[in-house]
Amino acid sequence: MPFYRLLGQRHPDGSDGEALRLRTIAGLKRLRAALAGHFPADTDRTRTVRIGTWNIREFGSTKYGGRDSYEPLCYMAEIIANFDIVAVQEVRDDMDEFLELLRILGADWDYLATDVTDGGAGNGERMVFLYNTGRVSFRNIAGELTLPDGKKVLASFGERVRLENGIALQLPPGTDLSGVYEARSLKKNGVVRLDEDVEIALPQGALLDLPDGSALSVTKGTVVTRPPGTRGQVDISVPQGAVLGEDFRVRFPGEALDQSFKQFARTPYIVSFQAGWMKIDLATVHIYFGSNEDEKLLEQRRREILRLTEALGDRAAKEMEDNPDNPVLTAVLGDFNIISAEHETMEALEANGFEVPQQIRSIPGSNVSQDKAYDQIAFWEPKRNRGHVRVDIRGANVFDFYEHVYRLEDRTVYQPQRSEGSYKTWRTYKMSDHLPMWIELTSDFSDAYLDACED
């Protein structure tokens, strides 16, 4: 259970500190009562493992003042303490808030974290697993998932070539592509700049001038001949005029390609845990978002999810092949930015052997308004024979903490100067704009094993 030492320190009557203390105590009492009735009542917790995933909005940032008091961290600790393992997304470089949360959770809790992901798409975030050491153990296996050559996440909108350092686009004579185009823009200090890329279709006949040092690359596997009587030489036939086809590439010198998407926008993190009889590899993710309206960026999201399930599925299959008598369950969880259970982003998640349990699919949404299926939990081949261990789901849901803390009726207490809409945004930087999702699995299969021993 969490340890709320600061709540025992009284302040002068009528002071802001005393009001904060009493408000936090009242909020925790509401949360505790709600959580007690939220989870399955007939479950023996000595025989199950409860796994959660929670995107905690910009955890560690200073926006809207950050988590500027112990109140939201106490509420988070009370929620997290009901799980055994929690995958947390959007933990920022500054981990002071996170470490204070860990202190409140108590000595039974530990964590594993990645470094922050570089690049604009990574948003300076790290992946974290919190786990209760009295309930589960770390199997000393952890790593970040990277993709091999040939299976990387190429941009759905095509790779861009930098028009610099000797590379130039030659337009047909008389062509003028100047004009008015639909695009977002920002104005700062009187200067207007684009806030998104603008794609302008090129006319037929447009050509690229190649810089010095460019080369025609004939790919490995191309059919060639060997000159008679020679060693270490091949005779290559290159078409005259237009050179094209699967056997040929153009090699640019330096960093000519603008390779925005090769690995994941935020590197998935895989950690192996043991809970009772169950060995489980958990991969937590925060998939590239882009836009819900831009088809090209939505396709980028789908591709990233598909590459994820492909890589994890291959890894799980190899693990099963290498250790058929000691099987490990593989699951992926986190913020996939799934549009809905029927959307193609969900189809990508349920590819390559992964399945989202019906108990998770039936949840309307994990965002605050509960109309987007952003967060998900999926298992690789859950029906596969793993001996006595199986995927036995005892319950699953999301927990709406806003029904109990930072409620709409509390706006006059916290932010009376804000409108209701502004208050709703403000409170997501105290708690989150995602609700924690959880699933509870049977972890004790002693009875099945003993029954088999009698046969």
Protein backbone atom coordinates (compact mmCIF):
# COMPACT_ATOMS: atom_id res chain seq x y z
CA MET A 1 0.00 0.00 0.00
CA PRO A 2 1.19 3.58 -0.56
CA PHE A 3 2.73 5.63 2.25
CA TYR A 4 1.29 9.12 2.63
CA ARG A 5 3.71 10.54 5.18
CA LEU A 6 3.12 14.17 4.18
CA LEU A 7 -0.57 13.87 4.97
CA GLY A 8 0.24 13.43 8.66
CA GLN A 9 1.89 16.86 8.84
CA ARG A 10 -0.76 19.34 9.94
CA HIS A 11 -0.72 23.00 8.95
CA PRO A 12 -2.34 26.04 10.57
CA ASP A 13 -6.12 26.05 10.33
CA GLY A 14 -7.34 27.97 7.30
CA SER A 15 -3.95 27.84 5.54
CA ASP A 16 -3.50 26.74 1.93
CA GLY A 17 -1.33 23.86 3.11
CA GLU A 18 -4.03 22.55 5.44
CA ALA A 19 -6.68 22.89 2.73
CA LEU A 20 -4.46 20.88 0.37
CA ARG A 21 -3.88 18.20 3.01
CA LEU A 22 -7.56 17.78 3.85
CA ARG A 23 -8.57 17.84 0.18
CA THR A 24 -6.05 15.12 -0.66
CA ILE A 25 -7.24 12.95 2.24
CA ALA A 26 -10.85 13.29 1.08
CA GLY A 27 -9.87 12.50 -2.53
CA LEU A 28 -7.92 9.42 -1.47
CA LYS A 29 -10.88 8.13 0.53
CA ARG A 30 -13.14 8.47 -2.51
CA LEU A 31 -10.55 6.76 -4.71
CA ARG A 32 -10.01 3.89 -2.30
CA ALA A 33 -13.73 3.21 -2.03
CA ALA A 34 -14.14 3.33 -5.81
CA LEU A 35 -11.14 1.10 -6.49
CA ALA A 36 -12.33 -1.45 -3.95
CA GLY A 37 -15.52 -1.86 -5.97
CA HIS A 38 -13.93 -1.60 -9.39
CA PHE A 39 -11.91 -4.83 -9.55
CA PRO A 40 -13.29 -8.40 -9.51
CA ALA A 41 -14.59 -9.13 -6.02
CA ASP A 42 -14.33 -12.92 -6.15
CA THR A 43 -10.65 -13.14 -7.13
CA ASP A 44 -7.96 -14.68 -4.93
CA ARG A 45 -5.14 -12.18 -5.48
CA THR A 46 -2.55 -14.71 -4.40
CA ARG A 47 -3.31 -16.61 -7.62
CA THR A 48 -3.52 -13.80 -10.18
CA VAL A 49 -1.37 -11.08 -11.71
CA ARG A 50 -2.89 -7.69 -12.56
CA ILE A 51 -1.17 -5.81 -15.37
CA GLY A 52 -1.86 -2.17 -16.20
CA THR A 53 -0.89 0.34 -18.85
CA TRP A 54 -1.16 4.09 -18.35
CA ASN A 55 -0.11 6.99 -20.55
CA ILE A 56 0.51 9.72 -17.95
CA ARG A 57 0.45 12.96 -19.86
CA GLU A 58 3.88 14.59 -20.13
CA PHE A 59 4.99 13.10 -16.82
CA GLY A 60 7.84 15.34 -15.71
CA SER A 61 7.06 18.44 -17.79
CA THR A 62 6.33 21.87 -16.29
CA LYS A 63 3.33 22.67 -18.48
CA TYR A 64 0.44 24.11 -16.44
CA GLY A 65 2.81 24.06 -13.48
CA GLY A 66 3.44 20.33 -13.67
CA ARG A 67 2.39 18.17 -10.73
CA ASP A 68 3.11 21.10 -8.43
CA SER A 69 1.94 19.46 -5.20
CA TYR A 70 1.86 15.99 -3.70
CA GLU A 71 -1.91 15.71 -4.35
CA PRO A 72 -1.89 14.24 -7.90
CA LEU A 73 1.05 11.95 -7.10
CA CYS A 74 -0.83 10.53 -4.11
CA TYR A 75 -3.83 9.83 -6.33
CA MET A 76 -1.61 8.17 -8.96
CA ALA A 77 0.07 6.04 -6.30
CA GLU A 78 -3.30 4.89 -4.94
CA ILE A 79 -4.37 3.78 -8.43
CA ILE A 80 -1.06 2.12 -9.37
CA ALA A 81 -0.88 0.25 -6.06
CA ASN A 82 -3.82 -1.87 -7.25
CA PHE A 83 -1.68 -3.36 -10.02
CA ASP A 84 1.30 -5.71 -9.95
CA ILE A 85 2.99 -4.43 -13.12
CA VAL A 86 2.30 -1.10 -14.84
CA ALA A 87 3.66 0.07 -18.19
CA VAL A 88 3.90 3.86 -18.12
CA GLN A 89 4.24 6.00 -21.23
CA GLU A 90 5.19 9.69 -21.66
CA VAL A 91 7.72 9.81 -18.81
CA ARG A 92 9.99 12.72 -19.66
CA ASP A 93 13.71 13.31 -19.22
CA ASP A 94 13.21 14.93 -15.79
CA MET A 95 12.21 12.03 -13.52
CA ASP A 96 11.80 13.97 -10.26
CA GLU A 97 8.00 13.62 -10.28
CA PHE A 98 8.26 9.93 -11.14
CA LEU A 99 10.74 9.26 -8.33
CA GLU A 100 8.47 11.03 -5.86
CA LEU A 101 5.65 8.77 -7.04
CA LEU A 102 7.90 5.77 -6.44
CA ARG A 103 8.68 7.00 -2.90
CA ILE A 104 4.96 7.23 -2.13
CA LEU A 105 4.38 3.71 -3.47
CA GLY A 106 6.89 2.37 -0.98
CA ALA A 107 9.84 0.00 -0.75
CA ASP A 108 8.00 -2.93 -2.40
CA TRP A 109 8.00 -1.10 -5.73
CA ASP A 110 10.80 -0.88 -8.28
CA TYR A 111 11.07 0.25 -11.89
CA LEU A 112 12.88 -0.30 -15.19
CA ALA A 113 13.22 2.54 -17.69
CA THR A 114 14.69 3.36 -21.07
CA ASP A 115 16.60 6.50 -21.89
CA VAL A 116 14.61 9.20 -23.69
CA THR A 117 14.04 8.68 -27.41
CA ASP A 118 15.86 11.19 -29.61
CA GLY A 119 14.20 12.97 -32.52
CA GLY A 120 11.13 15.14 -32.88
CA ALA A 121 8.74 12.21 -33.25
CA GLY A 122 10.07 10.69 -30.02
CA ASN A 123 9.01 13.81 -28.11
CA GLY A 124 11.71 13.35 -25.45
CA GLU A 125 9.89 10.41 -23.84
CA ARG A 126 11.05 7.26 -22.12
CA MET A 127 9.29 3.93 -21.49
CA VAL A 128 8.94 2.71 -17.90
CA PHE A 129 7.75 -0.43 -16.13
CA LEU A 130 6.73 -0.13 -12.48
CA TYR A 131 6.36 -3.43 -10.63
CA ASN A 132 5.60 -4.70 -7.15
CA THR A 133 8.56 -6.83 -6.10
CA GLY A 134 6.42 -8.68 -3.58
CA ARG A 135 4.09 -9.86 -6.34
CA VAL A 136 6.29 -10.34 -9.41
CA SER A 137 9.98 -10.72 -10.18
CA PHE A 138 12.16 -9.32 -12.94
CA ARG A 139 13.70 -12.17 -14.96
CA ASN A 140 16.83 -10.10 -15.72
CA ILE A 141 15.92 -9.79 -19.40
CA ALA A 142 15.18 -6.38 -20.88
CA GLY A 143 15.86 -4.55 -24.11
CA GLU A 144 14.68 -2.01 -26.62
CA LEU A 145 13.18 -3.41 -29.83
CA THR A 146 14.95 -2.37 -33.03
CA LEU A 147 14.14 -3.45 -36.56
CA PRO A 148 16.52 -5.31 -38.90
CA ASP A 149 17.44 -4.07 -42.36
CA GLY A 150 14.67 -4.70 -44.86
CA LYS A 151 11.95 -4.45 -42.20
CA LYS A 152 12.31 -0.86 -41.08
CA VAL A 153 9.48 1.65 -40.96
CA LEU A 154 9.81 3.62 -44.18
CA ALA A 155 7.77 6.79 -44.50
CA SER A 156 4.31 6.13 -45.92
CA PHE A 157 4.52 9.44 -47.77
CA GLY A 158 7.83 8.49 -49.43
CA GLU A 159 11.44 9.27 -48.61
CA ARG A 160 12.58 12.80 -49.31
CA VAL A 161 15.77 13.83 -51.10
CA ARG A 162 17.56 16.91 -49.79
CA LEU A 163 17.91 19.49 -52.55
CA GLU A 164 21.30 20.73 -51.42
CA ASN A 165 25.00 19.92 -51.69
CA GLY A 166 24.86 19.58 -55.46
CA ILE A 167 21.45 17.90 -55.82
CA ALA A 168 18.99 20.09 -57.73
CA LEU A 169 15.53 19.67 -59.23
CA GLN A 170 15.27 20.81 -62.84
CA LEU A 171 11.74 21.78 -63.88
CA PRO A 172 10.64 21.79 -67.52
CA PRO A 173 11.09 25.22 -69.18
CA GLY A 174 8.27 27.63 -68.35
CA THR A 175 7.07 25.65 -65.29
CA ASP A 176 6.13 27.80 -62.28
CA LEU A 177 4.96 25.92 -59.19
CA SER A 178 4.37 29.09 -57.15
CA GLY A 179 0.80 29.56 -55.95
CA VAL A 180 -1.66 29.31 -53.06
CA TYR A 181 -1.84 25.95 -51.31
CA GLU A 182 -3.78 24.58 -48.31
CA ALA A 183 -1.44 24.43 -45.30
CA ARG A 184 -1.09 25.36 -41.63
CA SER A 185 1.28 28.20 -40.78
CA LEU A 186 2.68 30.03 -37.77
CA LYS A 187 3.47 33.73 -37.44
CA LYS A 188 6.24 34.87 -35.12
CA ASN A 189 7.93 38.27 -35.03
CA GLY A 190 6.08 39.20 -38.20
CA VAL A 191 7.44 36.18 -40.14
CA VAL A 192 5.05 33.49 -41.38
CA ARG A 193 6.43 29.97 -41.58
CA LEU A 194 4.92 26.64 -42.60
CA ASP A 195 3.67 24.46 -39.76
CA GLU A 196 3.52 21.34 -41.98
CA ASP A 197 5.08 20.07 -45.20
CA VAL A 198 3.38 21.05 -48.44
CA GLU A 199 3.47 18.45 -51.22
CA ILE A 200 3.39 19.91 -54.75
CA ALA A 201 2.93 17.47 -57.61
CA LEU A 202 5.79 17.56 -60.12
CA PRO A 203 5.11 17.86 -63.84
CA GLN A 204 6.23 15.25 -66.32
CA GLY A 205 9.77 15.90 -67.45
CA ALA A 206 11.12 17.10 -64.10
CA LEU A 207 14.66 15.81 -63.51
CA LEU A 208 17.18 15.62 -60.68
CA ASP A 209 20.74 16.85 -61.14
CA LEU A 210 23.02 14.50 -59.24
CA PRO A 211 26.04 15.72 -57.29
CA ASP A 212 29.63 14.65 -57.79
CA GLY A 213 30.25 11.34 -56.08
CA SER A 214 26.89 9.79 -57.01
CA ALA A 215 26.98 6.19 -58.22
CA LEU A 216 24.78 3.65 -59.96
CA SER A 217 24.36 0.77 -57.51
CA VAL A 218 23.72 -2.68 -58.96
CA THR A 219 22.07 -4.67 -56.18
CA LYS A 220 23.26 -7.89 -54.63
CA GLY A 221 21.60 -10.88 -56.31
CA THR A 222 21.47 -9.35 -59.79
CA VAL A 223 22.20 -11.88 -62.56
CA VAL A 224 25.60 -11.19 -64.20
CA THR A 225 28.28 -13.05 -66.17
CA ARG A 226 31.97 -13.69 -65.52
CA PRO A 227 34.51 -12.73 -68.16
CA PRO A 228 36.38 -15.85 -69.34
CA GLY A 229 39.67 -16.47 -67.59
CA THR A 230 39.18 -13.85 -64.86
CA ARG A 231 38.67 -13.98 -61.11
CA GLY A 232 37.02 -11.38 -58.93
CA GLN A 233 35.35 -9.66 -61.88
CA VAL A 234 31.85 -9.66 -63.35
CA ASP A 235 30.36 -8.40 -66.59
CA ILE A 236 27.34 -6.14 -65.88
CA SER A 237 24.81 -5.12 -68.51
CA VAL A 238 23.51 -1.58 -67.93
CA PRO A 239 20.63 -0.30 -70.12
CA GLN A 240 21.31 2.74 -72.24
CA GLY A 241 19.04 5.75 -71.86
CA ALA A 242 16.61 5.22 -68.99
CA VAL A 243 18.02 2.97 -66.28
CA LEU A 244 15.31 1.48 -64.08
CA GLY A 245 14.24 -1.77 -62.46
CA GLU A 246 14.67 -3.75 -59.26
CA ASP A 247 18.36 -4.44 -59.97
CA PHE A 248 19.40 -0.78 -59.86
CA ARG A 249 19.64 2.01 -57.30
CA VAL A 250 21.25 5.43 -57.26
CA ARG A 251 23.76 5.91 -54.46
CA PHE A 252 23.95 9.51 -53.25
CA PRO A 253 26.99 10.80 -51.39
CA GLY A 254 26.60 11.91 -47.80
CA GLU A 255 23.22 12.38 -46.16
CA ALA A 256 21.10 13.07 -49.22
CA LEU A 257 18.00 11.22 -48.07
CA ASP A 258 15.84 12.75 -45.35
CA GLN A 259 15.23 9.47 -43.52
CA SER A 260 12.56 10.45 -41.02
CA PHE A 261 11.24 6.97 -40.19
CA LYS A 262 13.66 4.07 -40.05
CA GLN A 263 13.15 2.78 -36.53
CA PHE A 264 10.11 3.44 -34.36
CA ALA A 265 9.28 7.02 -33.42
CA ARG A 266 9.55 5.87 -29.79
CA THR A 267 11.52 2.67 -29.25
CA PRO A 268 9.40 -0.16 -27.75
CA TYR A 269 10.71 -1.62 -24.50
CA ILE A 270 10.57 -5.36 -23.71
CA VAL A 271 10.93 -6.69 -20.17
CA SER A 272 10.52 -10.27 -18.95
CA PHE A 273 8.68 -10.87 -15.67
CA GLN A 274 7.60 -13.89 -13.65
CA ALA A 275 4.33 -14.01 -11.72
CA GLY A 276 3.62 -17.36 -10.10
CA TRP A 277 3.80 -19.99 -12.80
CA MET A 278 3.64 -17.44 -15.59
CA LYS A 279 6.69 -16.17 -17.45
CA ILE A 280 5.64 -13.18 -19.52
CA ASP A 281 7.51 -10.87 -21.89
CA LEU A 282 5.83 -7.47 -21.91
CA ALA A 283 6.55 -4.93 -24.64
CA THR A 284 5.36 -1.39 -23.94
CA VAL A 285 4.91 1.07 -26.79
CA HIS A 286 3.84 4.58 -27.62
CA ILE A 287 3.08 4.48 -31.34
CA TYR A 288 3.58 7.46 -33.67
CA PHE A 289 0.48 9.66 -33.74
CA GLY A 290 0.80 12.20 -36.55
CA SER A 291 -2.85 13.02 -37.19
CA ASN A 292 -6.27 11.37 -37.14
CA GLU A 293 -7.32 13.31 -40.25
CA ASP A 294 -4.23 13.13 -42.50
CA GLU A 295 -4.40 9.84 -44.44
CA LYS A 296 -0.65 9.77 -45.09
CA LEU A 297 0.21 10.19 -41.41
CA LEU A 298 -2.48 7.69 -40.43
CA GLU A 299 -0.89 5.20 -42.81
CA GLN A 300 2.45 5.89 -41.10
CA ARG A 301 0.86 4.90 -37.79
CA ARG A 302 -0.55 1.70 -39.29
CA ARG A 303 2.84 0.76 -40.75
CA GLU A 304 4.59 1.26 -37.44
CA ILE A 305 2.08 -0.98 -35.64
CA LEU A 306 2.41 -3.63 -38.35
CA ARG A 307 6.23 -3.64 -38.15
CA LEU A 308 5.93 -3.90 -34.37
CA THR A 309 3.70 -6.99 -34.42
CA GLU A 310 5.86 -8.57 -37.12
CA ALA A 311 9.07 -8.10 -35.11
CA LEU A 312 7.51 -9.20 -31.81
CA GLY A 313 5.77 -12.16 -33.46
CA ASP A 314 9.05 -13.36 -34.98
CA ARG A 315 10.76 -12.97 -31.62
CA ALA A 316 8.00 -14.84 -29.76
CA ALA A 317 8.04 -17.70 -32.29
CA LYS A 318 11.81 -18.09 -31.90
CA GLU A 319 11.47 -18.03 -28.10
CA MET A 320 8.82 -20.75 -28.28
CA GLU A 321 10.97 -22.83 -30.64
CA ASP A 322 14.08 -22.48 -28.47
CA ASN A 323 12.26 -23.25 -25.20
CA PRO A 324 9.28 -25.52 -25.97
CA ASP A 325 9.32 -26.99 -22.45
CA ASN A 326 9.64 -23.61 -20.73
CA PRO A 327 7.21 -21.42 -22.67
CA VAL A 328 7.01 -17.66 -22.25
CA LEU A 329 3.85 -15.67 -22.90
CA THR A 330 4.35 -12.54 -25.03
CA ALA A 331 2.13 -9.48 -24.77
CA VAL A 332 2.29 -5.93 -26.08
CA LEU A 333 0.58 -3.06 -24.30
CA GLY A 334 0.55 0.69 -24.28
CA ASP A 335 -0.63 3.64 -26.32
CA PHE A 336 -1.10 2.46 -29.92
CA ASN A 337 -3.24 5.46 -30.92
CA ILE A 338 -5.81 2.98 -32.26
CA ILE A 339 -8.80 4.82 -33.75
CA SER A 340 -11.40 2.13 -33.02
CA ALA A 341 -11.83 -1.64 -32.77
CA GLU A 342 -12.93 -1.68 -36.43
CA HIS A 343 -10.16 0.56 -37.80
CA GLU A 344 -7.22 -0.62 -39.91
CA THR A 345 -4.87 0.39 -37.08
CA MET A 346 -6.52 -2.34 -34.98
CA GLU A 347 -6.14 -4.76 -37.90
CA ALA A 348 -2.40 -4.02 -37.88
CA LEU A 349 -2.22 -4.74 -34.15
CA GLU A 350 -4.02 -8.06 -34.59
CA ALA A 351 -1.65 -9.18 -37.35
CA ASN A 352 1.24 -11.62 -37.06
CA GLY A 353 -0.39 -13.80 -34.42
CA PHE A 354 -1.45 -11.11 -31.93
CA GLU A 355 -4.97 -10.99 -30.50
CA VAL A 356 -6.72 -8.35 -28.40
CA PRO A 357 -8.97 -10.17 -25.89
CA GLN A 358 -12.68 -9.50 -26.21
CA GLN A 359 -12.67 -8.08 -22.68
CA ILE A 360 -10.31 -5.34 -23.93
CA ARG A 361 -11.99 -4.87 -27.32
CA SER A 362 -15.34 -4.24 -25.64
CA ILE A 363 -13.98 -1.21 -23.72
CA PRO A 364 -15.39 1.88 -25.54
CA GLY A 365 -12.22 3.94 -25.10
CA SER A 366 -9.31 4.75 -22.83
CA ASN A 367 -9.18 8.50 -23.42
CA VAL A 368 -11.01 10.72 -20.93
CA SER A 369 -14.14 10.99 -23.10
CA GLN A 370 -13.85 7.21 -23.71
CA ASP A 371 -14.47 7.44 -27.45
CA LYS A 372 -11.01 6.46 -28.75
CA ALA A 373 -9.41 3.01 -28.40
CA TYR A 374 -5.90 4.45 -28.13
CA ASP A 375 -4.61 2.09 -25.44
CA GLN A 376 -4.62 -1.66 -25.98
CA ILE A 377 -3.30 -4.97 -24.64
CA ALA A 378 -2.65 -7.84 -27.07
CA PHE A 379 -1.27 -11.37 -26.65
CA TRP A 380 0.72 -13.41 -29.16
CA GLU A 381 -1.08 -16.67 -30.01
CA PRO A 382 -2.92 -16.86 -26.67
CA LYS A 383 -4.54 -20.19 -27.58
CA ARG A 384 -1.21 -21.93 -28.28
CA ASN A 385 -0.45 -24.88 -25.99
CA ARG A 386 1.85 -23.75 -23.18
CA GLY A 387 1.47 -26.81 -20.98
CA HIS A 388 -0.29 -26.06 -17.73
CA VAL A 389 0.03 -22.29 -18.20
CA ARG A 390 -2.66 -20.60 -20.26
CA VAL A 391 -4.17 -17.17 -20.87
CA ASP A 392 -7.02 -17.19 -18.37
CA ILE A 393 -8.51 -13.69 -18.10
CA ARG A 394 -10.21 -12.86 -14.81
CA GLY A 395 -11.16 -9.29 -15.68
CA ALA A 396 -10.26 -6.19 -17.71
CA ASN A 397 -11.35 -2.55 -17.79
CA VAL A 398 -10.31 1.10 -17.58
CA PHE A 399 -10.64 3.14 -14.39
CA ASP A 400 -12.14 6.63 -14.67
CA PHE A 401 -10.48 8.50 -11.83
CA TYR A 402 -12.15 11.80 -12.83
CA GLU A 403 -15.36 10.51 -11.29
CA HIS A 404 -13.61 10.73 -7.90
CA VAL A 405 -10.80 13.32 -8.04
CA TYR A 406 -10.40 16.56 -9.99
CA ARG A 407 -14.11 16.29 -10.70
CA LEU A 408 -15.99 18.85 -12.77
CA GLU A 409 -17.74 20.08 -9.63
CA ASP A 410 -14.30 20.75 -8.12
CA ARG A 411 -13.45 23.44 -10.70
CA THR A 412 -14.32 26.25 -8.29
CA VAL A 413 -11.87 24.78 -5.79
CA TYR A 414 -8.94 24.33 -8.17
CA GLN A 415 -9.34 26.79 -11.05
CA PRO A 416 -12.37 29.09 -10.58
CA GLN A 417 -11.04 31.53 -13.18
CA ARG A 418 -11.05 28.92 -15.94
CA SER A 419 -13.91 27.87 -18.17
CA GLU A 420 -15.06 24.27 -17.94
CA GLY A 421 -13.22 23.41 -21.16
CA SER A 422 -10.01 25.04 -19.96
CA TYR A 423 -10.31 23.27 -16.60
CA LYS A 424 -10.69 19.91 -18.35
CA THR A 425 -7.40 20.54 -20.14
CA TRP A 426 -5.66 21.79 -16.99
CA ARG A 427 -6.55 18.71 -14.98
CA THR A 428 -5.05 16.37 -17.62
CA TYR A 429 -1.65 17.86 -16.75
CA LYS A 430 -2.26 17.00 -13.09
CA MET A 431 -3.48 13.46 -13.75
CA SER A 432 -3.64 12.50 -17.45
CA ASP A 433 -5.67 12.58 -20.66
CA HIS A 434 -5.64 8.75 -20.67
CA LEU A 435 -7.33 6.40 -18.23
CA PRO A 436 -5.34 3.44 -16.86
CA MET A 437 -6.24 0.16 -18.57
CA TRP A 438 -5.74 -3.20 -16.87
CA ILE A 439 -6.12 -6.91 -17.33
CA GLU A 440 -6.00 -9.62 -14.65
CA LEU A 441 -4.68 -13.10 -15.45
CA THR A 442 -4.52 -16.35 -13.56
CA SER A 443 -0.92 -16.95 -12.48
CA ASP A 444 -1.24 -20.08 -10.30
CA PHE A 445 -1.71 -23.34 -12.20
CA SER A 446 -0.82 -25.69 -9.34
CA ASP A 447 -4.14 -27.54 -9.48
CA ALA A 448 -3.75 -28.37 -13.19
CA TYR A 449 -0.22 -29.57 -12.58
CA LEU A 450 -1.19 -31.76 -9.64
CA ASP A 451 -4.06 -33.25 -11.59
CA ALA A 452 -1.67 -34.12 -14.41
CA CYS A 453 0.71 -35.75 -11.92
CA GLU A 454 -2.04 -38.17 -10.91
CA ASP A 455 -2.58 -39.39 -14.48
